[in-house]
Amino acid sequence: MLAANGSISEVAERLAVSESYVLRAWARQRLGLISAGVQCNHVLPRLTFVCALRSEGLFAPLVVDGPINGRAFRARVEQALAPETSW
């Protein structure tokens, strides 16, 4: 919820953001059989998952194809996360 004057800066003072990511390449994949000594060069796509966490669970999820930049992250916080956050 935005502050009474509609300013996101007051909400941002009470907002804690933590970053984490997972590359699907870290998980063991069964990509098929290859000859001994040959490297399997299968590249998995990089996905970025952004959401907020409450005691009730996750809310305002977003999946981005590839990495997310600061401008896109700020827009997500202002448009989805901050309005759904109740203090």
PDB file of N, CA and C in Angstrom:
ATOM      1  N   MET A   1       0.848  -1.168   0.000  1.00  0.00           N
ATOM      2  CA  MET A   1       0.000   0.000   0.000  1.00  0.00           C
ATOM      3  C   MET A   1       0.896   1.235   0.000  1.00  0.00           C
ATOM      4  N   LEU A   2       0.581   2.196  -0.834  1.00  0.00           N
ATOM      5  CA  LEU A   2       1.371   3.416  -0.901  1.00  0.00           C
ATOM      6  C   LEU A   2       1.104   4.284   0.319  1.00  0.00           C
ATOM      7  N   ALA A   3       2.047   5.162   0.580  1.00  0.00           N
ATOM      8  CA  ALA A   3       1.898   6.081   1.697  1.00  0.00           C
ATOM      9  C   ALA A   3       0.724   7.022   1.424  1.00  0.00           C
ATOM     10  N   ALA A   4       0.263   7.721   2.458  1.00  0.00           N
ATOM     11  CA  ALA A   4      -0.900   8.593   2.337  1.00  0.00           C
ATOM     12  C   ALA A   4      -0.715   9.648   1.248  1.00  0.00           C
ATOM     13  N   ASN A   5       0.520  10.125   1.078  1.00  0.00           N
ATOM     14  CA  ASN A   5       0.767  11.141   0.057  1.00  0.00           C
ATOM     15  C   ASN A   5       1.068  10.521  -1.304  1.00  0.00           C
ATOM     16  N   GLY A   6       0.952   9.195  -1.421  1.00  0.00           N
ATOM     17  CA  GLY A   6       1.170   8.522  -2.690  1.00  0.00           C
ATOM     18  C   GLY A   6       2.631   8.303  -3.031  1.00  0.00           C
ATOM     19  N   SER A   7       3.515   8.513  -2.063  1.00  0.00           N
ATOM     20  CA  SER A   7       4.949   8.407  -2.313  1.00  0.00           C
ATOM     21  C   SER A   7       5.444   6.987  -2.071  1.00  0.00           C
ATOM     22  N   ILE A   8       6.165   6.463  -3.038  1.00  0.00           N
ATOM     23  CA  ILE A   8       6.741   5.129  -2.868  1.00  0.00           C
ATOM     24  C   ILE A   8       7.992   5.182  -2.000  1.00  0.00           C
ATOM     25  N   SER A   9       8.590   6.364  -1.837  1.00  0.00           N
ATOM     26  CA  SER A   9       9.820   6.458  -1.049  1.00  0.00           C
ATOM     27  C   SER A   9       9.578   6.084   0.413  1.00  0.00           C
ATOM     28  N   GLU A  10       8.416   6.412   0.957  1.00  0.00           N
ATOM     29  CA  GLU A  10       8.114   6.038   2.338  1.00  0.00           C
ATOM     30  C   GLU A  10       7.917   4.534   2.467  1.00  0.00           C
ATOM     31  N   VAL A  11       7.341   3.914   1.454  1.00  0.00           N
ATOM     32  CA  VAL A  11       7.182   2.460   1.455  1.00  0.00           C
ATOM     33  C   VAL A  11       8.540   1.801   1.317  1.00  0.00           C
ATOM     34  N   ALA A  12       9.392   2.351   0.472  1.00  0.00           N
ATOM     35  CA  ALA A  12      10.716   1.773   0.228  1.00  0.00           C
ATOM     36  C   ALA A  12      11.574   1.764   1.484  1.00  0.00           C
ATOM     37  N   GLU A  13      11.342   2.694   2.399  1.00  0.00           N
ATOM     38  CA  GLU A  13      12.110   2.724   3.642  1.00  0.00           C
ATOM     39  C   GLU A  13      11.836   1.493   4.499  1.00  0.00           C
ATOM     40  N   ARG A  14      10.661   0.889   4.344  1.00  0.00           N
ATOM     41  CA  ARG A  14      10.298  -0.285   5.142  1.00  0.00           C
ATOM     42  C   ARG A  14      10.354  -1.579   4.340  1.00  0.00           C
ATOM     43  N   LEU A  15      10.877  -1.514   3.134  1.00  0.00           N
ATOM     44  CA  LEU A  15      10.912  -2.671   2.251  1.00  0.00           C
ATOM     45  C   LEU A  15      12.303  -3.284   2.248  1.00  0.00           C
ATOM     46  N   ALA A  16      12.379  -4.570   2.484  1.00  0.00           N
ATOM     47  CA  ALA A  16      13.653  -5.289   2.413  1.00  0.00           C
ATOM     48  C   ALA A  16      13.636  -6.164   1.169  1.00  0.00           C
ATOM     49  N   VAL A  17      14.699  -6.086   0.391  1.00  0.00           N
ATOM     50  CA  VAL A  17      14.788  -6.852  -0.847  1.00  0.00           C
ATOM     51  C   VAL A  17      15.979  -7.780  -0.758  1.00  0.00           C
ATOM     52  N   SER A  18      15.763  -9.027  -1.075  1.00  0.00           N
ATOM     53  CA  SER A  18      16.833 -10.012  -1.109  1.00  0.00           C
ATOM     54  C   SER A  18      16.868 -10.610  -2.504  1.00  0.00           C
ATOM     55  N   GLU A  19      18.056 -10.879  -3.000  1.00  0.00           N
ATOM     56  CA  GLU A  19      18.198 -11.390  -4.361  1.00  0.00           C
ATOM     57  C   GLU A  19      18.722 -12.814  -4.337  1.00  0.00           C
ATOM     58  N   SER A  20      18.139 -13.653  -5.143  1.00  0.00           N
ATOM     59  CA  SER A  20      18.675 -14.996  -5.348  1.00  0.00           C
ATOM     60  C   SER A  20      18.263 -15.458  -6.737  1.00  0.00           C
ATOM     61  N   TYR A  21      18.987 -16.421  -7.243  1.00  0.00           N
ATOM     62  CA  TYR A  21      18.672 -16.938  -8.568  1.00  0.00           C
ATOM     63  C   TYR A  21      19.120 -18.384  -8.638  1.00  0.00           C
ATOM     64  N   VAL A  22      18.608 -19.080  -9.614  1.00  0.00           N
ATOM     65  CA  VAL A  22      18.979 -20.474  -9.847  1.00  0.00           C
ATOM     66  C   VAL A  22      19.154 -20.659 -11.342  1.00  0.00           C
ATOM     67  N   LEU A  23      20.247 -21.282 -11.717  1.00  0.00           N
ATOM     68  CA  LEU A  23      20.442 -21.639 -13.116  1.00  0.00           C
ATOM     69  C   LEU A  23      20.021 -23.087 -13.285  1.00  0.00           C
ATOM     70  N   ARG A  24      19.190 -23.345 -14.259  1.00  0.00           N
ATOM     71  CA  ARG A  24      18.722 -24.715 -14.480  1.00  0.00           C
ATOM     72  C   ARG A  24      19.874 -25.639 -14.834  1.00  0.00           C
ATOM     73  N   ALA A  25      20.969 -25.092 -15.322  1.00  0.00           N
ATOM     74  CA  ALA A  25      22.126 -25.910 -15.690  1.00  0.00           C
ATOM     75  C   ALA A  25      22.774 -26.530 -14.454  1.00  0.00           C
ATOM     76  N   TRP A  26      22.490 -25.999 -13.258  1.00  0.00           N
ATOM     77  CA  TRP A  26      23.070 -26.549 -12.036  1.00  0.00           C
ATOM     78  C   TRP A  26      22.440 -27.889 -11.672  1.00  0.00           C
ATOM     79  N   ALA A  27      21.232 -28.125 -12.145  1.00  0.00           N
ATOM     80  CA  ALA A  27      20.542 -29.374 -11.836  1.00  0.00           C
ATOM     81  C   ALA A  27      20.968 -30.459 -12.820  1.00  0.00           C
ATOM     82  N   ARG A  28      20.971 -31.681 -12.363  1.00  0.00           N
ATOM     83  CA  ARG A  28      21.321 -32.789 -13.237  1.00  0.00           C
ATOM     84  C   ARG A  28      20.224 -32.974 -14.279  1.00  0.00           C
ATOM     85  N   GLN A  29      20.628 -33.021 -15.514  1.00  0.00           N
ATOM     86  CA  GLN A  29      19.685 -33.163 -16.617  1.00  0.00           C
ATOM     87  C   GLN A  29      19.890 -34.498 -17.323  1.00  0.00           C
ATOM     88  N   ARG A  30      18.839 -35.078 -17.780  1.00  0.00           N
ATOM     89  CA  ARG A  30      18.928 -36.277 -18.618  1.00  0.00           C
ATOM     90  C   ARG A  30      18.661 -35.823 -20.046  1.00  0.00           C
ATOM     91  N   LEU A  31      19.731 -35.431 -20.716  1.00  0.00           N
ATOM     92  CA  LEU A  31      19.601 -34.825 -22.037  1.00  0.00           C
ATOM     93  C   LEU A  31      19.757 -35.824 -23.172  1.00  0.00           C
ATOM     94  N   GLY A  32      20.040 -37.062 -22.877  1.00  0.00           N
ATOM     95  CA  GLY A  32      20.218 -38.048 -23.934  1.00  0.00           C
ATOM     96  C   GLY A  32      21.594 -38.665 -23.854  1.00  0.00           C
ATOM     97  N   LEU A  33      21.825 -39.615 -24.706  1.00  0.00           N
ATOM     98  CA  LEU A  33      23.093 -40.330 -24.718  1.00  0.00           C
ATOM     99  C   LEU A  33      24.034 -39.720 -25.745  1.00  0.00           C
ATOM    100  N   ILE A  34      25.313 -39.663 -25.403  1.00  0.00           N
ATOM    101  CA  ILE A  34      26.343 -39.198 -26.325  1.00  0.00           C
ATOM    102  C   ILE A  34      27.509 -40.165 -26.259  1.00  0.00           C
ATOM    103  N   SER A  35      28.389 -40.096 -27.231  1.00  0.00           N
ATOM    104  CA  SER A  35      29.559 -40.974 -27.258  1.00  0.00           C
ATOM    105  C   SER A  35      30.485 -40.641 -26.104  1.00  0.00           C
ATOM    106  N   ALA A  36      31.215 -41.638 -25.637  1.00  0.00           N
ATOM    107  CA  ALA A  36      32.162 -41.436 -24.537  1.00  0.00           C
ATOM    108  C   ALA A  36      33.213 -40.412 -24.953  1.00  0.00           C
ATOM    109  N   GLY A  37      33.517 -39.494 -24.054  1.00  0.00           N
ATOM    110  CA  GLY A  37      34.530 -38.477 -24.313  1.00  0.00           C
ATOM    111  C   GLY A  37      34.017 -37.266 -25.068  1.00  0.00           C
ATOM    112  N   VAL A  38      32.743 -37.241 -25.431  1.00  0.00           N
ATOM    113  CA  VAL A  38      32.167 -36.112 -26.158  1.00  0.00           C
ATOM    114  C   VAL A  38      31.340 -35.289 -25.178  1.00  0.00           C
ATOM    115  N   GLN A  39      31.556 -33.988 -25.197  1.00  0.00           N
ATOM    116  CA  GLN A  39      30.829 -33.104 -24.290  1.00  0.00           C
ATOM    117  C   GLN A  39      29.459 -32.767 -24.876  1.00  0.00           C
ATOM    118  N   CYS A  40      28.461 -32.821 -24.053  1.00  0.00           N
ATOM    119  CA  CYS A  40      27.112 -32.457 -24.471  1.00  0.00           C
ATOM    120  C   CYS A  40      26.969 -30.945 -24.307  1.00  0.00           C
ATOM    121  N   ASN A  41      26.756 -30.232 -25.383  1.00  0.00           N
ATOM    122  CA  ASN A  41      26.705 -28.768 -25.360  1.00  0.00           C
ATOM    123  C   ASN A  41      25.277 -28.251 -25.444  1.00  0.00           C
ATOM    124  N   HIS A  42      24.444 -28.722 -24.573  1.00  0.00           N
ATOM    125  CA  HIS A  42      23.057 -28.265 -24.539  1.00  0.00           C
ATOM    126  C   HIS A  42      22.971 -27.085 -23.570  1.00  0.00           C
ATOM    127  N   VAL A  43      22.558 -25.935 -24.067  1.00  0.00           N
ATOM    128  CA  VAL A  43      22.468 -24.733 -23.242  1.00  0.00           C
ATOM    129  C   VAL A  43      21.011 -24.518 -22.841  1.00  0.00           C
ATOM    130  N   LEU A  44      20.775 -24.442 -21.550  1.00  0.00           N
ATOM    131  CA  LEU A  44      19.428 -24.203 -21.045  1.00  0.00           C
ATOM    132  C   LEU A  44      19.170 -22.706 -20.953  1.00  0.00           C
ATOM    133  N   PRO A  45      17.934 -22.280 -21.160  1.00  0.00           N
ATOM    134  CA  PRO A  45      17.640 -20.849 -21.081  1.00  0.00           C
ATOM    135  C   PRO A  45      17.765 -20.333 -19.649  1.00  0.00           C
ATOM    136  N   ARG A  46      18.115 -19.072 -19.520  1.00  0.00           N
ATOM    137  CA  ARG A  46      18.204 -18.429 -18.211  1.00  0.00           C
ATOM    138  C   ARG A  46      16.894 -17.704 -17.952  1.00  0.00           C
ATOM    139  N   LEU A  47      16.270 -18.026 -16.850  1.00  0.00           N
ATOM    140  CA  LEU A  47      15.020 -17.390 -16.460  1.00  0.00           C
ATOM    141  C   LEU A  47      15.218 -16.679 -15.132  1.00  0.00           C
ATOM    142  N   THR A  48      14.601 -15.527 -14.988  1.00  0.00           N
ATOM    143  CA  THR A  48      14.644 -14.787 -13.732  1.00  0.00           C
ATOM    144  C   THR A  48      13.238 -14.778 -13.145  1.00  0.00           C
ATOM    145  N   PHE A  49      13.121 -15.149 -11.877  1.00  0.00           N
ATOM    146  CA  PHE A  49      11.837 -15.197 -11.181  1.00  0.00           C
ATOM    147  C   PHE A  49      11.859 -14.147 -10.085  1.00  0.00           C
ATOM    148  N   VAL A  50      10.910 -13.220 -10.131  1.00  0.00           N
ATOM    149  CA  VAL A  50      10.814 -12.145  -9.145  1.00  0.00           C
ATOM    150  C   VAL A  50       9.451 -12.247  -8.475  1.00  0.00           C
ATOM    151  N   CYS A  51       9.442 -12.233  -7.146  1.00  0.00           N
ATOM    152  CA  CYS A  51       8.176 -12.233  -6.417  1.00  0.00           C
ATOM    153  C   CYS A  51       8.432 -11.711  -5.012  1.00  0.00           C
ATOM    154  N   ALA A  52       7.376 -11.555  -4.274  1.00  0.00           N
ATOM    155  CA  ALA A  52       7.484 -11.144  -2.878  1.00  0.00           C
ATOM    156  C   ALA A  52       7.046 -12.314  -2.002  1.00  0.00           C
ATOM    157  N   LEU A  53       7.540 -12.331  -0.791  1.00  0.00           N
ATOM    158  CA  LEU A  53       7.247 -13.420   0.137  1.00  0.00           C
ATOM    159  C   LEU A  53       6.584 -12.863   1.390  1.00  0.00           C
ATOM    160  N   ARG A  54       5.444 -13.410   1.702  1.00  0.00           N
ATOM    161  CA  ARG A  54       4.741 -13.114   2.945  1.00  0.00           C
ATOM    162  C   ARG A  54       4.660 -14.391   3.753  1.00  0.00           C
ATOM    163  N   SER A  55       4.173 -14.292   4.962  1.00  0.00           N
ATOM    164  CA  SER A  55       3.997 -15.497   5.770  1.00  0.00           C
ATOM    165  C   SER A  55       2.949 -16.424   5.151  1.00  0.00           C
ATOM    166  N   GLU A  56       2.017 -15.866   4.368  1.00  0.00           N
ATOM    167  CA  GLU A  56       0.997 -16.673   3.697  1.00  0.00           C
ATOM    168  C   GLU A  56       1.529 -17.346   2.440  1.00  0.00           C
ATOM    169  N   GLY A  57       2.651 -16.884   1.922  1.00  0.00           N
ATOM    170  CA  GLY A  57       3.211 -17.461   0.696  1.00  0.00           C
ATOM    171  C   GLY A  57       3.707 -16.393  -0.261  1.00  0.00           C
ATOM    172  N   LEU A  58       3.944 -16.796  -1.500  1.00  0.00           N
ATOM    173  CA  LEU A  58       4.452 -15.897  -2.529  1.00  0.00           C
ATOM    174  C   LEU A  58       3.320 -15.074  -3.128  1.00  0.00           C
ATOM    175  N   PHE A  59       3.637 -13.835  -3.534  1.00  0.00           N
ATOM    176  CA  PHE A  59       2.659 -13.040  -4.257  1.00  0.00           C
ATOM    177  C   PHE A  59       3.367 -12.152  -5.264  1.00  0.00           C
ATOM    178  N   ALA A  60       2.622 -11.669  -6.242  1.00  0.00           N
ATOM    179  CA  ALA A  60       3.102 -10.825  -7.334  1.00  0.00           C
ATOM    180  C   ALA A  60       4.267 -11.459  -8.089  1.00  0.00           C
ATOM    181  N   PRO A  61       4.105 -12.697  -8.575  1.00  0.00           N
ATOM    182  CA  PRO A  61       5.207 -13.349  -9.280  1.00  0.00           C
ATOM    183  C   PRO A  61       5.405 -12.800 -10.694  1.00  0.00           C
ATOM    184  N   LEU A  62       6.637 -12.852 -11.153  1.00  0.00           N
ATOM    185  CA  LEU A  62       6.997 -12.439 -12.509  1.00  0.00           C
ATOM    186  C   LEU A  62       8.145 -13.317 -12.976  1.00  0.00           C
ATOM    187  N   VAL A  63       8.028 -13.891 -14.163  1.00  0.00           N
ATOM    188  CA  VAL A  63       9.109 -14.663 -14.768  1.00  0.00           C
ATOM    189  C   VAL A  63       9.570 -13.907 -16.000  1.00  0.00           C
ATOM    190  N   VAL A  64      10.879 -13.639 -16.066  1.00  0.00           N
ATOM    191  CA  VAL A  64      11.475 -12.894 -17.167  1.00  0.00           C
ATOM    192  C   VAL A  64      12.415 -13.817 -17.919  1.00  0.00           C
ATOM    193  N   ASP A  65      12.354 -13.784 -19.247  1.00  0.00           N
ATOM    194  CA  ASP A  65      13.262 -14.568 -20.072  1.00  0.00           C
ATOM    195  C   ASP A  65      14.596 -13.836 -20.129  1.00  0.00           C
ATOM    196  N   GLY A  66      15.588 -14.347 -19.425  1.00  0.00           N
ATOM    197  CA  GLY A  66      16.900 -13.712 -19.357  1.00  0.00           C
ATOM    198  C   GLY A  66      17.047 -12.917 -18.070  1.00  0.00           C
ATOM    199  N   PRO A  67      18.143 -12.167 -17.954  1.00  0.00           N
ATOM    200  CA  PRO A  67      18.361 -11.381 -16.734  1.00  0.00           C
ATOM    201  C   PRO A  67      17.446 -10.161 -16.694  1.00  0.00           C
ATOM    202  N   ILE A  68      17.228  -9.648 -15.493  1.00  0.00           N
ATOM    203  CA  ILE A  68      16.397  -8.457 -15.322  1.00  0.00           C
ATOM    204  C   ILE A  68      17.311  -7.286 -14.984  1.00  0.00           C
ATOM    205  N   ASN A  69      16.993  -6.106 -15.506  1.00  0.00           N
ATOM    206  CA  ASN A  69      17.817  -4.932 -15.210  1.00  0.00           C
ATOM    207  C   ASN A  69      17.160  -4.094 -14.115  1.00  0.00           C
ATOM    208  N   GLY A  70      17.879  -3.106 -13.641  1.00  0.00           N
ATOM    209  CA  GLY A  70      17.400  -2.280 -12.536  1.00  0.00           C
ATOM    210  C   GLY A  70      16.131  -1.519 -12.854  1.00  0.00           C
ATOM    211  N   ARG A  71      16.021  -1.027 -14.079  1.00  0.00           N
ATOM    212  CA  ARG A  71      14.838  -0.260 -14.464  1.00  0.00           C
ATOM    213  C   ARG A  71      13.587  -1.145 -14.474  1.00  0.00           C
ATOM    214  N   ALA A  72      13.720  -2.360 -14.994  1.00  0.00           N
ATOM    215  CA  ALA A  72      12.582  -3.285 -15.016  1.00  0.00           C
ATOM    216  C   ALA A  72      12.209  -3.724 -13.598  1.00  0.00           C
ATOM    217  N   PHE A  73      13.214  -3.936 -12.747  1.00  0.00           N
ATOM    218  CA  PHE A  73      12.939  -4.339 -11.368  1.00  0.00           C
ATOM    219  C   PHE A  73      12.222  -3.225 -10.608  1.00  0.00           C
ATOM    220  N   ARG A  74      12.679  -1.996 -10.779  1.00  0.00           N
ATOM    221  CA  ARG A  74      12.035  -0.868 -10.106  1.00  0.00           C
ATOM    222  C   ARG A  74      10.583  -0.717 -10.564  1.00  0.00           C
ATOM    223  N   ALA A  75      10.349  -0.879 -11.861  1.00  0.00           N
ATOM    224  CA  ALA A  75       8.984  -0.790 -12.381  1.00  0.00           C
ATOM    225  C   ALA A  75       8.103  -1.873 -11.769  1.00  0.00           C
ATOM    226  N   ARG A  76       8.639  -3.082 -11.605  1.00  0.00           N
ATOM    227  CA  ARG A  76       7.866  -4.181 -11.003  1.00  0.00           C
ATOM    228  C   ARG A  76       7.530  -3.873  -9.546  1.00  0.00           C
ATOM    229  N   VAL A  77       8.494  -3.319  -8.828  1.00  0.00           N
ATOM    230  CA  VAL A  77       8.251  -2.964  -7.425  1.00  0.00           C
ATOM    231  C   VAL A  77       7.175  -1.893  -7.333  1.00  0.00           C
ATOM    232  N   GLU A  78       7.265  -0.860  -8.170  1.00  0.00           N
ATOM    233  CA  GLU A  78       6.300   0.238  -8.113  1.00  0.00           C
ATOM    234  C   GLU A  78       4.906  -0.180  -8.573  1.00  0.00           C
ATOM    235  N   GLN A  79       4.824  -1.026  -9.601  1.00  0.00           N
ATOM    236  CA  GLN A  79       3.528  -1.353 -10.193  1.00  0.00           C
ATOM    237  C   GLN A  79       2.830  -2.546  -9.546  1.00  0.00           C
ATOM    238  N   ALA A  80       3.594  -3.487  -8.991  1.00  0.00           N
ATOM    239  CA  ALA A  80       2.953  -4.704  -8.479  1.00  0.00           C
ATOM    240  C   ALA A  80       3.245  -4.971  -7.010  1.00  0.00           C
ATOM    241  N   LEU A  81       4.494  -4.887  -6.613  1.00  0.00           N
ATOM    242  CA  LEU A  81       4.835  -5.271  -5.241  1.00  0.00           C
ATOM    243  C   LEU A  81       4.377  -4.240  -4.215  1.00  0.00           C
ATOM    244  N   ALA A  82       4.683  -2.974  -4.432  1.00  0.00           N
ATOM    245  CA  ALA A  82       4.318  -1.944  -3.454  1.00  0.00           C
ATOM    246  C   ALA A  82       2.804  -1.817  -3.279  1.00  0.00           C
ATOM    247  N   PRO A  83       2.005  -1.790  -4.347  1.00  0.00           N
ATOM    248  CA  PRO A  83       0.557  -1.684  -4.149  1.00  0.00           C
ATOM    249  C   PRO A  83      -0.054  -2.879  -3.404  1.00  0.00           C
ATOM    250  N   GLU A  84       0.529  -4.061  -3.534  1.00  0.00           N
ATOM    251  CA  GLU A  84      -0.023  -5.244  -2.869  1.00  0.00           C
ATOM    252  C   GLU A  84       0.499  -5.424  -1.455  1.00  0.00           C
ATOM    253  N   THR A  85       1.471  -4.620  -1.073  1.00  0.00           N
ATOM    254  CA  THR A  85       2.061  -4.749   0.253  1.00  0.00           C
ATOM    255  C   THR A  85       1.233  -3.961   1.257  1.00  0.00           C
ATOM    256  N   SER A  86       0.790  -4.621   2.292  1.00  0.00           N
ATOM    257  CA  SER A  86       0.045  -3.930   3.347  1.00  0.00           C
ATOM    258  C   SER A  86       0.933  -3.849   4.582  1.00  0.00           C
ATOM    259  N   TRP A  87       1.012  -2.708   5.158  1.00  0.00           N
ATOM    260  CA  TRP A  87       1.883  -2.498   6.324  1.00  0.00           C
ATOM    261  C   TRP A  87       1.005  -2.479   7.527  1.00  0.00           C
TER     262      TRP A  87
END
